[in-house]
Amino acid sequence: MPTTYEPIATTTLGSAAASVSFTSISGTYTDLVLICSPAQTTAGQGDIYIQFNSDTGNNYSSTALYGSGSAAGSTRQSNVNGIRPEYYGYPDTTIGQTTTIVHIFNYSNSTTYKTALARANAASTGTDAVAGLWRNTAAITSMTVLMNASATFKSGSTFTLYGIKAA
C-alpha cells in the first residue's frame, strides 16, 4: 500500500531557541514523521527531548542502541519528561552535521499509548536507534522539540513535521 508524506509545518530558526513547537496537528493522517537538522549553540551542552500535548510529566520512556565508530552500547530511560530521540547523535554545533528522524505511529488513536522510533546521526559523535513511549492514550495534537538544561538550538536549525496518509 503506497503512502504519501505531506508536509504539515517547517521551522527554520532565525535565532537561537530552547524549543520548537508544532500545534493544532490534524488527526487526518495515520502517522507523523519529524525530520530535523538541529545544531546546538555550545558543543555537548544538551540533549533533545520531545513532548506531546504540553505533557511535561514523567510519562515517557526511551530505549536506545548507539555507537560512535569505536564504541557501542545501549541504555534506557524510564519515567522521564520526554522521549529522547538521540544519545550519541546529539546535535553538533555546525548546521547540517546532525539529522534526527522520528516516526510517531498511530498518533491520533485515543485508545493506546503512543510509540515512536527514531534515528539520529551526528558526524562528530555517532549514531543512535531509539524506541520511545508516551504513556498516554490521548490523540497527539501538539509536539514540542526542546533542549534540556540550559542548552539552545542554534540559528539555522530546521524542523519539519510530515503527516503520512495511507493510500
N, C-alpha and C. Protein backbone atom coordinates (compact mmCIF):
# COMPACT_ATOMS: atom_id res chain seq x y z
N MET A 1 0.85 -1.16 0.00
CA MET A 1 0.00 0.00 0.00
C MET A 1 0.90 1.23 0.00
N PRO A 2 0.81 2.09 -1.00
CA PRO A 2 1.65 3.29 -1.04
C PRO A 2 1.25 4.30 0.03
N THR A 3 2.23 5.06 0.48
CA THR A 3 1.97 6.12 1.44
C THR A 3 2.49 7.43 0.89
N THR A 4 1.98 8.51 1.43
CA THR A 4 2.37 9.83 0.98
C THR A 4 2.77 10.67 2.18
N TYR A 5 3.96 11.25 2.11
CA TYR A 5 4.39 12.21 3.13
C TYR A 5 3.84 13.58 2.73
N GLU A 6 3.09 14.20 3.62
CA GLU A 6 2.58 15.54 3.38
C GLU A 6 3.18 16.49 4.41
N PRO A 7 3.89 17.53 3.97
CA PRO A 7 4.45 18.48 4.94
C PRO A 7 3.33 19.19 5.70
N ILE A 8 3.44 19.18 7.02
CA ILE A 8 2.47 19.88 7.86
C ILE A 8 3.02 21.26 8.20
N ALA A 9 4.28 21.31 8.63
CA ALA A 9 4.88 22.59 9.00
C ALA A 9 6.40 22.45 9.01
N THR A 10 7.07 23.55 8.67
CA THR A 10 8.53 23.62 8.71
C THR A 10 8.94 24.87 9.47
N THR A 11 9.94 24.72 10.32
CA THR A 11 10.50 25.86 11.05
C THR A 11 12.01 25.88 10.85
N THR A 12 12.53 27.01 10.41
CA THR A 12 13.97 27.25 10.38
C THR A 12 14.22 28.41 11.33
N LEU A 13 15.03 28.14 12.34
CA LEU A 13 15.24 29.16 13.37
C LEU A 13 16.05 30.34 12.85
N GLY A 14 15.55 31.56 13.09
CA GLY A 14 16.25 32.78 12.73
C GLY A 14 17.16 33.26 13.84
N SER A 15 16.97 32.70 15.03
CA SER A 15 17.81 32.99 16.19
C SER A 15 17.79 31.77 17.10
N ALA A 16 18.70 31.71 18.04
CA ALA A 16 18.77 30.58 18.96
C ALA A 16 17.45 30.45 19.72
N ALA A 17 17.05 29.20 20.00
CA ALA A 17 15.80 28.94 20.72
C ALA A 17 15.94 27.67 21.55
N ALA A 18 15.27 27.64 22.68
CA ALA A 18 15.31 26.47 23.56
C ALA A 18 14.35 25.38 23.10
N SER A 19 13.35 25.76 22.26
CA SER A 19 12.37 24.77 21.82
C SER A 19 11.70 25.20 20.52
N VAL A 20 11.07 24.21 19.88
CA VAL A 20 10.27 24.43 18.68
C VAL A 20 8.97 23.67 18.87
N SER A 21 7.84 24.30 18.60
CA SER A 21 6.55 23.64 18.81
C SER A 21 5.76 23.55 17.51
N PHE A 22 5.04 22.45 17.39
CA PHE A 22 4.06 22.25 16.32
C PHE A 22 2.72 22.09 17.01
N THR A 23 1.75 22.94 16.65
CA THR A 23 0.46 22.95 17.32
C THR A 23 -0.66 22.67 16.33
N SER A 24 -1.82 22.40 16.83
CA SER A 24 -3.02 22.15 16.02
C SER A 24 -2.77 21.08 14.97
N ILE A 25 -2.15 19.97 15.38
CA ILE A 25 -1.88 18.87 14.45
C ILE A 25 -3.20 18.15 14.16
N SER A 26 -3.55 18.10 12.91
CA SER A 26 -4.79 17.45 12.46
C SER A 26 -4.71 15.95 12.70
N GLY A 27 -5.83 15.33 12.95
CA GLY A 27 -5.88 13.88 13.14
C GLY A 27 -6.15 13.11 11.87
N THR A 28 -5.91 13.72 10.70
CA THR A 28 -6.27 13.10 9.43
C THR A 28 -5.21 12.18 8.84
N TYR A 29 -4.09 12.03 9.49
CA TYR A 29 -3.01 11.17 8.99
C TYR A 29 -2.96 9.87 9.78
N THR A 30 -2.25 8.88 9.26
CA THR A 30 -2.08 7.63 10.00
C THR A 30 -0.91 7.73 10.98
N ASP A 31 0.17 8.42 10.56
CA ASP A 31 1.38 8.55 11.37
C ASP A 31 1.98 9.93 11.14
N LEU A 32 2.95 10.28 11.99
CA LEU A 32 3.71 11.52 11.84
C LEU A 32 5.19 11.19 11.70
N VAL A 33 5.90 12.05 10.99
CA VAL A 33 7.36 11.93 10.89
C VAL A 33 7.95 13.32 11.12
N LEU A 34 8.85 13.41 12.08
CA LEU A 34 9.59 14.64 12.34
C LEU A 34 11.00 14.45 11.81
N ILE A 35 11.43 15.35 10.94
CA ILE A 35 12.80 15.32 10.43
C ILE A 35 13.43 16.65 10.80
N CYS A 36 14.53 16.59 11.54
CA CYS A 36 15.17 17.84 11.93
C CYS A 36 16.67 17.75 11.74
N SER A 37 17.23 18.90 11.50
CA SER A 37 18.68 19.06 11.40
C SER A 37 19.06 20.15 12.40
N PRO A 38 19.13 19.75 13.67
CA PRO A 38 19.42 20.74 14.71
C PRO A 38 20.91 20.90 14.94
N ALA A 39 21.29 22.06 15.40
CA ALA A 39 22.64 22.30 15.90
C ALA A 39 22.46 23.01 17.23
N GLN A 40 23.40 22.81 18.14
CA GLN A 40 23.30 23.50 19.43
C GLN A 40 24.37 24.57 19.52
N THR A 41 24.11 25.55 20.35
CA THR A 41 25.00 26.71 20.43
C THR A 41 26.34 26.39 21.07
N THR A 42 26.39 25.40 21.98
CA THR A 42 27.63 25.02 22.65
C THR A 42 27.77 23.50 22.62
N ALA A 43 28.86 22.97 22.13
CA ALA A 43 29.06 21.52 21.98
C ALA A 43 28.87 20.78 23.30
N GLY A 44 28.14 19.65 23.22
CA GLY A 44 27.95 18.79 24.37
C GLY A 44 27.10 19.37 25.48
N GLN A 45 26.44 20.47 25.20
CA GLN A 45 25.70 21.18 26.24
C GLN A 45 24.36 20.53 26.57
N GLY A 46 23.70 19.91 25.59
CA GLY A 46 22.37 19.41 25.87
C GLY A 46 21.90 18.32 24.95
N ASP A 47 20.77 17.74 25.29
CA ASP A 47 20.15 16.67 24.53
C ASP A 47 18.76 17.11 24.11
N ILE A 48 18.26 16.48 23.05
CA ILE A 48 16.93 16.76 22.54
C ILE A 48 15.91 15.88 23.26
N TYR A 49 14.76 16.46 23.57
CA TYR A 49 13.61 15.72 24.09
C TYR A 49 12.39 16.14 23.30
N ILE A 50 11.41 15.24 23.20
CA ILE A 50 10.16 15.54 22.53
C ILE A 50 9.03 15.32 23.53
N GLN A 51 8.14 16.30 23.62
CA GLN A 51 6.97 16.20 24.49
C GLN A 51 5.71 16.38 23.64
N PHE A 52 4.65 15.69 24.04
CA PHE A 52 3.39 15.75 23.31
C PHE A 52 2.32 16.43 24.16
N ASN A 53 1.46 17.21 23.50
CA ASN A 53 0.29 17.83 24.12
C ASN A 53 0.63 18.58 25.41
N SER A 54 1.79 19.23 25.45
CA SER A 54 2.23 20.02 26.61
C SER A 54 2.40 19.18 27.88
N ASP A 55 2.56 17.87 27.74
CA ASP A 55 2.76 16.99 28.89
C ASP A 55 4.23 17.04 29.30
N THR A 56 4.51 17.70 30.42
CA THR A 56 5.88 17.81 30.94
C THR A 56 6.13 16.85 32.09
N GLY A 57 5.16 15.96 32.35
CA GLY A 57 5.30 15.00 33.44
C GLY A 57 6.24 13.86 33.07
N ASN A 58 6.54 13.02 34.03
CA ASN A 58 7.44 11.87 33.83
C ASN A 58 6.67 10.68 33.26
N ASN A 59 6.10 10.88 32.07
CA ASN A 59 5.24 9.88 31.42
C ASN A 59 5.86 9.30 30.16
N TYR A 60 7.17 9.42 30.01
CA TYR A 60 7.86 8.98 28.81
C TYR A 60 8.97 7.98 29.15
N SER A 61 9.31 7.15 28.16
CA SER A 61 10.43 6.22 28.28
C SER A 61 11.14 6.15 26.95
N SER A 62 12.43 5.84 26.97
CA SER A 62 13.21 5.65 25.75
C SER A 62 14.21 4.52 25.96
N THR A 63 14.39 3.70 24.93
CA THR A 63 15.40 2.65 24.93
C THR A 63 16.25 2.88 23.69
N ALA A 64 17.58 2.89 23.85
CA ALA A 64 18.46 3.26 22.75
C ALA A 64 19.59 2.25 22.53
N LEU A 65 19.95 2.08 21.27
CA LEU A 65 21.18 1.43 20.85
C LEU A 65 22.00 2.53 20.20
N TYR A 66 23.30 2.60 20.51
CA TYR A 66 24.10 3.70 19.99
C TYR A 66 25.52 3.24 19.71
N GLY A 67 26.18 4.01 18.85
CA GLY A 67 27.57 3.72 18.53
C GLY A 67 28.28 4.95 18.03
N SER A 68 29.59 4.96 18.28
CA SER A 68 30.40 6.11 17.89
C SER A 68 31.43 5.77 16.82
N GLY A 69 31.49 4.54 16.37
CA GLY A 69 32.53 4.11 15.46
C GLY A 69 33.64 3.38 16.18
N SER A 70 33.80 3.68 17.46
CA SER A 70 34.81 2.98 18.27
C SER A 70 34.21 2.33 19.51
N ALA A 71 32.96 2.63 19.82
CA ALA A 71 32.28 2.04 20.98
C ALA A 71 30.80 1.91 20.65
N ALA A 72 30.14 0.97 21.31
CA ALA A 72 28.71 0.77 21.13
C ALA A 72 28.09 0.44 22.48
N GLY A 73 26.79 0.66 22.58
CA GLY A 73 26.13 0.35 23.84
C GLY A 73 24.64 0.50 23.73
N SER A 74 24.00 0.37 24.86
CA SER A 74 22.56 0.56 24.94
C SER A 74 22.23 1.18 26.28
N THR A 75 21.08 1.81 26.34
CA THR A 75 20.65 2.44 27.59
C THR A 75 19.13 2.57 27.58
N ARG A 76 18.59 2.85 28.74
CA ARG A 76 17.14 3.02 28.87
C ARG A 76 16.86 4.13 29.87
N GLN A 77 15.86 4.94 29.56
CA GLN A 77 15.37 5.96 30.48
C GLN A 77 13.89 5.69 30.71
N SER A 78 13.48 5.62 31.96
CA SER A 78 12.07 5.42 32.30
C SER A 78 11.59 6.57 33.16
N ASN A 79 10.31 6.86 33.05
CA ASN A 79 9.68 7.89 33.88
C ASN A 79 10.43 9.22 33.79
N VAL A 80 10.63 9.68 32.56
CA VAL A 80 11.28 10.96 32.31
C VAL A 80 10.28 11.89 31.62
N ASN A 81 10.67 13.16 31.44
CA ASN A 81 9.72 14.16 30.95
C ASN A 81 9.75 14.39 29.45
N GLY A 82 10.19 13.40 28.67
CA GLY A 82 10.15 13.50 27.23
C GLY A 82 10.85 12.31 26.58
N ILE A 83 10.48 12.02 25.34
CA ILE A 83 11.19 10.99 24.57
C ILE A 83 12.50 11.59 24.10
N ARG A 84 13.59 10.90 24.35
CA ARG A 84 14.91 11.36 23.93
C ARG A 84 15.29 10.61 22.65
N PRO A 85 15.26 11.25 21.48
CA PRO A 85 15.49 10.54 20.22
C PRO A 85 16.96 10.38 19.86
N GLU A 86 17.87 10.76 20.75
CA GLU A 86 19.30 10.64 20.47
C GLU A 86 20.07 10.43 21.77
N TYR A 87 21.20 9.75 21.66
CA TYR A 87 22.11 9.57 22.79
C TYR A 87 23.52 9.98 22.37
N TYR A 88 24.15 9.22 21.48
CA TYR A 88 25.44 9.63 20.93
C TYR A 88 25.25 10.67 19.83
N GLY A 89 24.13 10.61 19.11
CA GLY A 89 23.90 11.51 17.98
C GLY A 89 23.38 12.86 18.38
N TYR A 90 23.81 13.38 19.55
CA TYR A 90 23.29 14.68 19.98
C TYR A 90 23.77 15.78 19.03
N PRO A 91 23.08 16.88 19.01
CA PRO A 91 23.36 17.89 17.99
C PRO A 91 24.80 18.43 18.04
N ASP A 92 25.38 18.54 16.87
CA ASP A 92 26.69 19.16 16.67
C ASP A 92 26.51 20.67 16.77
N THR A 93 27.57 21.42 16.73
CA THR A 93 27.46 22.88 16.72
C THR A 93 27.42 23.43 15.30
N THR A 94 27.64 22.58 14.30
CA THR A 94 27.64 23.01 12.90
C THR A 94 26.32 22.63 12.24
N ILE A 95 25.67 23.58 11.61
CA ILE A 95 24.42 23.33 10.90
C ILE A 95 24.67 22.29 9.82
N GLY A 96 23.76 21.30 9.71
CA GLY A 96 23.85 20.29 8.67
C GLY A 96 24.66 19.06 9.05
N GLN A 97 25.23 19.02 10.25
CA GLN A 97 26.03 17.87 10.65
C GLN A 97 25.25 16.83 11.44
N THR A 98 24.02 17.15 11.80
CA THR A 98 23.19 16.25 12.60
C THR A 98 21.83 16.11 11.93
N THR A 99 21.32 14.87 11.86
CA THR A 99 19.98 14.62 11.37
C THR A 99 19.27 13.70 12.35
N THR A 100 18.06 14.05 12.71
CA THR A 100 17.23 13.22 13.57
C THR A 100 15.90 13.00 12.87
N ILE A 101 15.50 11.73 12.77
CA ILE A 101 14.23 11.36 12.13
C ILE A 101 13.42 10.58 13.15
N VAL A 102 12.21 11.04 13.42
CA VAL A 102 11.35 10.40 14.42
C VAL A 102 10.02 10.02 13.76
N HIS A 103 9.69 8.73 13.80
CA HIS A 103 8.41 8.23 13.30
C HIS A 103 7.49 8.04 14.50
N ILE A 104 6.33 8.66 14.46
CA ILE A 104 5.35 8.57 15.55
C ILE A 104 4.14 7.84 14.98
N PHE A 105 3.89 6.67 15.54
CA PHE A 105 2.89 5.77 14.97
C PHE A 105 1.51 5.96 15.60
N ASN A 106 0.47 5.84 14.77
CA ASN A 106 -0.91 5.79 15.24
C ASN A 106 -1.21 6.92 16.22
N TYR A 107 -0.72 8.11 15.90
CA TYR A 107 -0.75 9.26 16.82
C TYR A 107 -2.15 9.76 17.16
N SER A 108 -3.11 9.53 16.27
CA SER A 108 -4.45 10.07 16.51
C SER A 108 -5.39 9.07 17.19
N ASN A 109 -4.92 7.86 17.43
CA ASN A 109 -5.69 6.86 18.14
C ASN A 109 -5.88 7.32 19.59
N SER A 110 -7.05 7.14 20.13
CA SER A 110 -7.29 7.59 21.50
C SER A 110 -7.50 6.42 22.48
N THR A 111 -6.99 5.24 22.11
CA THR A 111 -7.15 4.08 22.99
C THR A 111 -5.81 3.40 23.34
N THR A 112 -4.71 3.85 22.75
CA THR A 112 -3.42 3.20 23.02
C THR A 112 -2.35 4.24 23.36
N TYR A 113 -1.32 3.79 24.09
CA TYR A 113 -0.15 4.63 24.32
C TYR A 113 0.53 4.90 22.98
N LYS A 114 1.28 6.00 22.91
CA LYS A 114 1.93 6.40 21.65
C LYS A 114 3.38 5.93 21.62
N THR A 115 3.77 5.35 20.48
CA THR A 115 5.13 4.85 20.31
C THR A 115 5.84 5.63 19.20
N ALA A 116 7.15 5.69 19.33
CA ALA A 116 7.97 6.38 18.33
C ALA A 116 9.26 5.59 18.12
N LEU A 117 9.74 5.60 16.89
CA LEU A 117 11.06 5.07 16.56
C LEU A 117 11.87 6.21 15.97
N ALA A 118 13.10 6.35 16.43
CA ALA A 118 13.94 7.47 15.99
C ALA A 118 15.31 6.98 15.56
N ARG A 119 15.90 7.74 14.67
CA ARG A 119 17.29 7.54 14.27
C ARG A 119 17.95 8.90 14.27
N ALA A 120 19.10 8.97 14.93
CA ALA A 120 19.85 10.23 14.97
C ALA A 120 21.28 9.95 14.52
N ASN A 121 21.81 10.87 13.72
CA ASN A 121 23.17 10.75 13.22
C ASN A 121 23.86 12.08 13.38
N ALA A 122 25.03 12.07 13.99
CA ALA A 122 25.84 13.28 14.11
C ALA A 122 27.25 12.94 13.64
N ALA A 123 27.74 13.70 12.67
CA ALA A 123 29.05 13.42 12.09
C ALA A 123 30.16 13.40 13.13
N SER A 124 30.05 14.21 14.17
CA SER A 124 31.13 14.31 15.16
C SER A 124 30.99 13.34 16.33
N THR A 125 29.82 12.72 16.51
CA THR A 125 29.63 11.90 17.71
C THR A 125 29.21 10.47 17.47
N GLY A 126 28.28 10.21 16.59
CA GLY A 126 27.84 8.84 16.37
C GLY A 126 26.43 8.75 15.87
N THR A 127 25.87 7.56 16.01
CA THR A 127 24.52 7.30 15.51
C THR A 127 23.73 6.52 16.55
N ASP A 128 22.40 6.68 16.52
CA ASP A 128 21.51 6.07 17.50
C ASP A 128 20.28 5.48 16.83
N ALA A 129 19.71 4.46 17.47
CA ALA A 129 18.38 3.96 17.14
C ALA A 129 17.62 3.92 18.46
N VAL A 130 16.45 4.55 18.49
CA VAL A 130 15.74 4.73 19.76
C VAL A 130 14.27 4.33 19.60
N ALA A 131 13.75 3.60 20.57
CA ALA A 131 12.32 3.33 20.68
C ALA A 131 11.80 4.16 21.85
N GLY A 132 10.74 4.93 21.62
CA GLY A 132 10.19 5.78 22.66
C GLY A 132 8.73 5.49 22.92
N LEU A 133 8.28 5.80 24.11
CA LEU A 133 6.90 5.57 24.51
C LEU A 133 6.39 6.76 25.30
N TRP A 134 5.19 7.22 24.96
CA TRP A 134 4.47 8.21 25.76
C TRP A 134 3.29 7.47 26.37
N ARG A 135 3.27 7.37 27.68
CA ARG A 135 2.22 6.63 28.37
C ARG A 135 0.98 7.50 28.56
N ASN A 136 0.28 7.70 27.44
CA ASN A 136 -0.95 8.48 27.43
C ASN A 136 -1.76 8.03 26.23
N THR A 137 -3.07 7.91 26.38
CA THR A 137 -3.91 7.46 25.26
C THR A 137 -4.50 8.61 24.45
N ALA A 138 -4.25 9.84 24.85
CA ALA A 138 -4.80 11.00 24.12
C ALA A 138 -4.22 11.07 22.71
N ALA A 139 -5.03 11.50 21.77
CA ALA A 139 -4.53 11.77 20.42
C ALA A 139 -3.53 12.92 20.50
N ILE A 140 -2.45 12.82 19.74
CA ILE A 140 -1.43 13.88 19.73
C ILE A 140 -1.92 15.03 18.87
N THR A 141 -2.02 16.22 19.48
CA THR A 141 -2.44 17.41 18.74
C THR A 141 -1.36 18.49 18.73
N SER A 142 -0.32 18.30 19.54
CA SER A 142 0.80 19.24 19.53
C SER A 142 2.08 18.50 19.96
N MET A 143 3.21 19.07 19.56
CA MET A 143 4.50 18.47 19.84
C MET A 143 5.51 19.58 20.06
N THR A 144 6.35 19.41 21.09
CA THR A 144 7.42 20.36 21.35
C THR A 144 8.75 19.62 21.33
N VAL A 145 9.69 20.14 20.55
CA VAL A 145 11.05 19.61 20.50
C VAL A 145 11.90 20.59 21.29
N LEU A 146 12.59 20.10 22.33
CA LEU A 146 13.31 21.01 23.19
C LEU A 146 14.68 20.47 23.56
N MET A 147 15.53 21.40 23.99
CA MET A 147 16.84 21.05 24.52
C MET A 147 16.71 21.03 26.04
N ASN A 148 17.42 20.09 26.69
CA ASN A 148 17.37 20.06 28.15
C ASN A 148 18.39 21.04 28.73
N ALA A 149 18.37 21.16 30.02
CA ALA A 149 19.30 22.04 30.76
C ALA A 149 19.21 23.46 30.21
N SER A 150 20.34 24.13 30.06
CA SER A 150 20.35 25.50 29.57
C SER A 150 20.72 25.55 28.09
N ALA A 151 20.67 24.42 27.42
CA ALA A 151 21.08 24.34 26.01
C ALA A 151 20.05 25.01 25.11
N THR A 152 20.51 25.46 23.94
CA THR A 152 19.61 26.04 22.95
C THR A 152 19.97 25.53 21.56
N PHE A 153 18.93 25.50 20.70
CA PHE A 153 19.15 25.20 19.29
C PHE A 153 19.75 26.44 18.63
N LYS A 154 20.70 26.22 17.77
CA LYS A 154 21.38 27.30 17.07
C LYS A 154 20.52 27.86 15.94
N SER A 155 20.68 29.12 15.65
CA SER A 155 20.04 29.74 14.50
C SER A 155 20.39 28.94 13.25
N GLY A 156 19.39 28.68 12.39
CA GLY A 156 19.60 27.89 11.17
C GLY A 156 19.16 26.45 11.32
N SER A 157 18.90 25.99 12.55
CA SER A 157 18.38 24.63 12.76
C SER A 157 17.01 24.51 12.09
N THR A 158 16.75 23.35 11.46
CA THR A 158 15.48 23.16 10.75
C THR A 158 14.70 21.99 11.35
N PHE A 159 13.38 22.12 11.32
CA PHE A 159 12.46 21.13 11.87
C PHE A 159 11.26 21.04 10.93
N THR A 160 10.98 19.85 10.40
CA THR A 160 9.83 19.67 9.52
C THR A 160 8.99 18.51 10.02
N LEU A 161 7.70 18.74 10.15
CA LEU A 161 6.77 17.71 10.56
C LEU A 161 5.95 17.30 9.34
N TYR A 162 5.90 15.97 9.11
CA TYR A 162 5.14 15.41 7.99
C TYR A 162 4.01 14.55 8.54
N GLY A 163 2.91 14.52 7.82
CA GLY A 163 1.84 13.56 8.07
C GLY A 163 1.93 12.49 7.01
N ILE A 164 1.65 11.25 7.38
CA ILE A 164 1.65 10.15 6.41
C ILE A 164 0.21 9.71 6.20
N LYS A 165 -0.18 9.68 4.94
CA LYS A 165 -1.50 9.21 4.58
C LYS A 165 -1.37 7.89 3.83
N ALA A 166 -2.07 6.90 4.28
CA ALA A 166 -2.09 5.62 3.56
C ALA A 166 -3.03 5.79 2.37
N ALA A 167 -2.66 5.21 1.26
CA ALA A 167 -3.49 5.32 0.05
C ALA A 167 -4.63 4.34 0.08
